């Protein structure tokens, strides 16, 4: 039985399925991309849900307690 099995979205009532997602966050003026984050995602509206232990790991990653394996340069355009 999966963590999100039989769970329903609080917004639309759709079924939640477990997926790996990417999170883009701004930290101290810089953007950080966290890849392959386990999440429950509503199959209808796309709302994402995260388990508490996942959020703790994300926080540790963002706060710099875990080393980043690589960095990339991104071009930025403004309209």
N, C-alpha and C. Protein backbone atom coordinates (compact mmCIF):
# COMPACT_ATOMS: atom_id res chain seq x y z
N UNK A 1 0.85 -1.19 0.00
CA UNK A 1 0.00 0.00 0.00
C UNK A 1 0.88 1.25 0.00
N UNK A 2 0.66 2.14 -0.95
CA UNK A 2 1.44 3.37 -1.05
C UNK A 2 0.96 4.42 -0.07
N UNK A 3 1.81 5.38 0.19
CA UNK A 3 1.50 6.44 1.15
C UNK A 3 0.25 7.22 0.76
N UNK A 4 0.06 7.48 -0.53
CA UNK A 4 -1.05 8.30 -0.99
C UNK A 4 -2.26 7.49 -1.45
N UNK A 5 -2.19 6.18 -1.34
CA UNK A 5 -3.28 5.32 -1.80
C UNK A 5 -4.57 5.63 -1.06
N UNK A 6 -5.66 5.72 -1.79
CA UNK A 6 -7.01 6.01 -1.26
C UNK A 6 -7.18 7.43 -0.74
N UNK A 7 -6.17 8.30 -0.94
CA UNK A 7 -6.31 9.70 -0.53
C UNK A 7 -7.00 10.49 -1.63
N UNK A 8 -7.76 11.50 -1.24
CA UNK A 8 -8.49 12.36 -2.18
C UNK A 8 -8.03 13.80 -2.01
N UNK A 9 -8.05 14.54 -3.10
CA UNK A 9 -7.67 15.95 -3.10
C UNK A 9 -8.67 16.76 -2.28
N UNK A 10 -8.16 17.63 -1.43
CA UNK A 10 -9.04 18.45 -0.60
C UNK A 10 -9.74 19.54 -1.40
N UNK A 11 -9.28 19.83 -2.61
CA UNK A 11 -9.87 20.89 -3.41
C UNK A 11 -10.92 20.39 -4.40
N UNK A 12 -10.61 19.28 -5.09
CA UNK A 12 -11.53 18.83 -6.14
C UNK A 12 -12.04 17.41 -5.93
N UNK A 13 -11.48 16.69 -4.96
CA UNK A 13 -11.91 15.33 -4.70
C UNK A 13 -11.28 14.28 -5.60
N UNK A 14 -10.34 14.69 -6.46
CA UNK A 14 -9.67 13.75 -7.35
C UNK A 14 -8.75 12.81 -6.60
N UNK A 15 -8.38 11.73 -7.24
CA UNK A 15 -7.47 10.74 -6.65
C UNK A 15 -6.04 11.28 -6.66
N UNK A 16 -5.31 10.98 -5.59
CA UNK A 16 -3.92 11.40 -5.47
C UNK A 16 -3.03 10.22 -5.80
N UNK A 17 -2.06 10.45 -6.68
CA UNK A 17 -1.10 9.42 -7.06
C UNK A 17 0.31 9.90 -6.71
N UNK A 18 1.18 8.95 -6.40
CA UNK A 18 2.55 9.31 -6.06
C UNK A 18 3.37 9.50 -7.33
N UNK A 19 4.11 10.61 -7.35
CA UNK A 19 4.97 10.94 -8.49
C UNK A 19 6.25 11.57 -7.96
N UNK A 20 7.24 11.68 -8.83
CA UNK A 20 8.46 12.43 -8.55
C UNK A 20 8.33 13.76 -9.28
N UNK A 21 8.51 14.86 -8.56
CA UNK A 21 8.35 16.19 -9.15
C UNK A 21 9.61 17.01 -8.92
N UNK A 22 9.71 18.12 -9.65
CA UNK A 22 10.80 19.07 -9.45
C UNK A 22 10.25 20.29 -8.73
N UNK A 23 11.02 20.81 -7.77
CA UNK A 23 10.64 22.02 -7.05
C UNK A 23 11.63 23.12 -7.37
N UNK A 24 11.13 24.28 -7.70
CA UNK A 24 11.96 25.46 -7.94
C UNK A 24 11.66 26.45 -6.82
N UNK A 25 12.65 26.79 -6.04
CA UNK A 25 12.48 27.71 -4.92
C UNK A 25 13.52 28.81 -4.98
N UNK A 26 13.15 29.98 -4.46
CA UNK A 26 14.09 31.10 -4.36
C UNK A 26 14.60 31.15 -2.93
N UNK A 27 15.93 31.06 -2.78
CA UNK A 27 16.56 31.04 -1.47
C UNK A 27 17.67 32.07 -1.45
N UNK A 28 17.57 33.01 -0.54
CA UNK A 28 18.59 34.07 -0.40
C UNK A 28 18.92 34.71 -1.74
N UNK A 29 17.87 35.00 -2.53
CA UNK A 29 18.03 35.70 -3.79
C UNK A 29 18.45 34.84 -4.97
N UNK A 30 18.64 33.54 -4.75
CA UNK A 30 19.04 32.64 -5.82
C UNK A 30 17.98 31.54 -5.96
N UNK A 31 17.82 31.07 -7.19
CA UNK A 31 16.88 29.98 -7.42
C UNK A 31 17.57 28.64 -7.22
N UNK A 32 16.84 27.73 -6.59
CA UNK A 32 17.33 26.39 -6.33
C UNK A 32 16.34 25.41 -6.93
N UNK A 33 16.84 24.45 -7.70
CA UNK A 33 16.01 23.40 -8.28
C UNK A 33 16.28 22.11 -7.53
N UNK A 34 15.23 21.52 -6.99
CA UNK A 34 15.34 20.24 -6.30
C UNK A 34 14.59 19.22 -7.15
N UNK A 35 15.31 18.23 -7.63
CA UNK A 35 14.74 17.27 -8.57
C UNK A 35 14.32 15.99 -7.85
N UNK A 36 13.36 15.28 -8.48
CA UNK A 36 12.92 13.96 -8.02
C UNK A 36 12.38 13.94 -6.59
N UNK A 37 11.58 14.93 -6.27
CA UNK A 37 10.96 15.01 -4.94
C UNK A 37 9.69 14.16 -4.94
N UNK A 38 9.57 13.20 -4.01
CA UNK A 38 8.35 12.41 -3.94
C UNK A 38 7.18 13.26 -3.47
N UNK A 39 6.07 13.17 -4.19
CA UNK A 39 4.89 13.96 -3.85
C UNK A 39 3.63 13.19 -4.22
N UNK A 40 2.54 13.54 -3.55
CA UNK A 40 1.24 13.08 -3.97
C UNK A 40 0.67 14.15 -4.89
N UNK A 41 0.22 13.76 -6.07
CA UNK A 41 -0.28 14.74 -7.04
C UNK A 41 -1.70 14.36 -7.43
N UNK A 42 -2.61 15.34 -7.36
CA UNK A 42 -3.99 15.09 -7.75
C UNK A 42 -4.06 14.87 -9.25
N UNK A 43 -4.71 13.79 -9.64
CA UNK A 43 -4.85 13.47 -11.05
C UNK A 43 -5.80 14.38 -11.80
N UNK A 44 -6.62 15.14 -11.08
CA UNK A 44 -7.59 16.04 -11.71
C UNK A 44 -7.06 17.48 -11.82
N UNK A 45 -6.68 18.07 -10.69
CA UNK A 45 -6.30 19.49 -10.70
C UNK A 45 -4.80 19.74 -10.57
N UNK A 46 -4.01 18.69 -10.25
CA UNK A 46 -2.56 18.84 -10.18
C UNK A 46 -2.02 19.34 -8.86
N UNK A 47 -2.88 19.54 -7.85
CA UNK A 47 -2.41 19.98 -6.54
C UNK A 47 -1.40 18.97 -6.00
N UNK A 48 -0.32 19.50 -5.41
CA UNK A 48 0.74 18.64 -4.88
C UNK A 48 0.66 18.58 -3.36
N UNK A 49 0.94 17.40 -2.84
CA UNK A 49 0.99 17.17 -1.40
C UNK A 49 2.33 16.52 -1.08
N UNK A 50 2.92 16.91 0.07
CA UNK A 50 4.22 16.38 0.47
C UNK A 50 4.14 15.81 1.88
N UNK A 51 4.79 14.68 2.10
CA UNK A 51 4.88 14.10 3.43
C UNK A 51 5.83 14.93 4.28
N UNK A 52 5.65 14.90 5.59
CA UNK A 52 6.47 15.70 6.51
C UNK A 52 7.96 15.38 6.38
N UNK A 53 8.30 14.11 6.26
CA UNK A 53 9.73 13.76 6.15
C UNK A 53 10.34 14.29 4.86
N UNK A 54 9.56 14.37 3.81
CA UNK A 54 10.03 14.93 2.54
C UNK A 54 10.29 16.42 2.71
N UNK A 55 9.38 17.12 3.37
CA UNK A 55 9.55 18.56 3.59
C UNK A 55 10.78 18.85 4.45
N UNK A 56 11.07 17.99 5.43
CA UNK A 56 12.28 18.17 6.25
C UNK A 56 13.53 18.02 5.40
N UNK A 57 13.53 17.05 4.50
CA UNK A 57 14.68 16.85 3.61
C UNK A 57 14.84 18.04 2.66
N UNK A 58 13.72 18.54 2.13
CA UNK A 58 13.76 19.71 1.25
C UNK A 58 14.34 20.90 2.01
N UNK A 59 13.88 21.11 3.24
CA UNK A 59 14.39 22.23 4.04
C UNK A 59 15.88 22.09 4.28
N UNK A 60 16.35 20.90 4.63
CA UNK A 60 17.78 20.68 4.85
C UNK A 60 18.56 20.96 3.58
N UNK A 61 18.01 20.59 2.45
CA UNK A 61 18.66 20.83 1.16
C UNK A 61 18.76 22.33 0.90
N UNK A 62 17.66 23.03 1.08
CA UNK A 62 17.62 24.47 0.82
C UNK A 62 18.53 25.25 1.77
N UNK A 63 18.58 24.84 2.99
CA UNK A 63 19.39 25.56 3.99
C UNK A 63 20.88 25.29 3.83
N UNK A 64 21.23 24.45 2.87
CA UNK A 64 22.65 24.22 2.59
C UNK A 64 23.29 23.16 3.44
N UNK A 65 22.49 22.40 4.18
CA UNK A 65 23.07 21.34 5.00
C UNK A 65 23.49 20.15 4.16
N UNK A 66 22.95 20.05 2.97
CA UNK A 66 23.35 19.00 2.03
C UNK A 66 24.07 19.67 0.86
N UNK A 67 25.12 19.05 0.40
CA UNK A 67 25.90 19.62 -0.70
C UNK A 67 25.21 19.38 -2.03
N UNK A 68 25.26 20.39 -2.89
CA UNK A 68 24.69 20.26 -4.22
C UNK A 68 25.65 19.49 -5.12
N UNK A 69 25.12 18.51 -5.89
CA UNK A 69 26.02 17.75 -6.75
C UNK A 69 26.46 18.51 -8.00
N UNK A 70 25.68 19.53 -8.40
CA UNK A 70 26.07 20.29 -9.59
C UNK A 70 25.35 21.62 -9.61
N UNK A 71 25.88 22.54 -10.40
CA UNK A 71 25.27 23.85 -10.61
C UNK A 71 25.18 24.10 -12.10
N UNK A 72 24.15 24.84 -12.51
CA UNK A 72 24.01 25.21 -13.91
C UNK A 72 23.73 26.71 -14.00
N UNK A 73 24.10 27.30 -15.11
CA UNK A 73 23.81 28.70 -15.36
C UNK A 73 22.54 28.79 -16.20
N UNK A 74 21.67 29.71 -15.84
CA UNK A 74 20.39 29.87 -16.53
C UNK A 74 20.29 31.29 -17.06
N UNK A 75 19.92 31.41 -18.32
CA UNK A 75 19.70 32.74 -18.90
C UNK A 75 18.33 33.23 -18.47
N UNK A 76 18.25 34.53 -18.19
CA UNK A 76 17.00 35.12 -17.71
C UNK A 76 16.56 36.22 -18.67
N UNK A 77 15.31 36.14 -19.10
CA UNK A 77 14.71 37.15 -19.95
C UNK A 77 13.56 37.78 -19.22
N UNK A 78 13.26 39.03 -19.55
CA UNK A 78 12.13 39.73 -18.97
C UNK A 78 11.28 40.29 -20.09
N UNK A 79 9.99 40.19 -19.97
CA UNK A 79 9.08 40.72 -20.99
C UNK A 79 8.46 42.02 -20.53
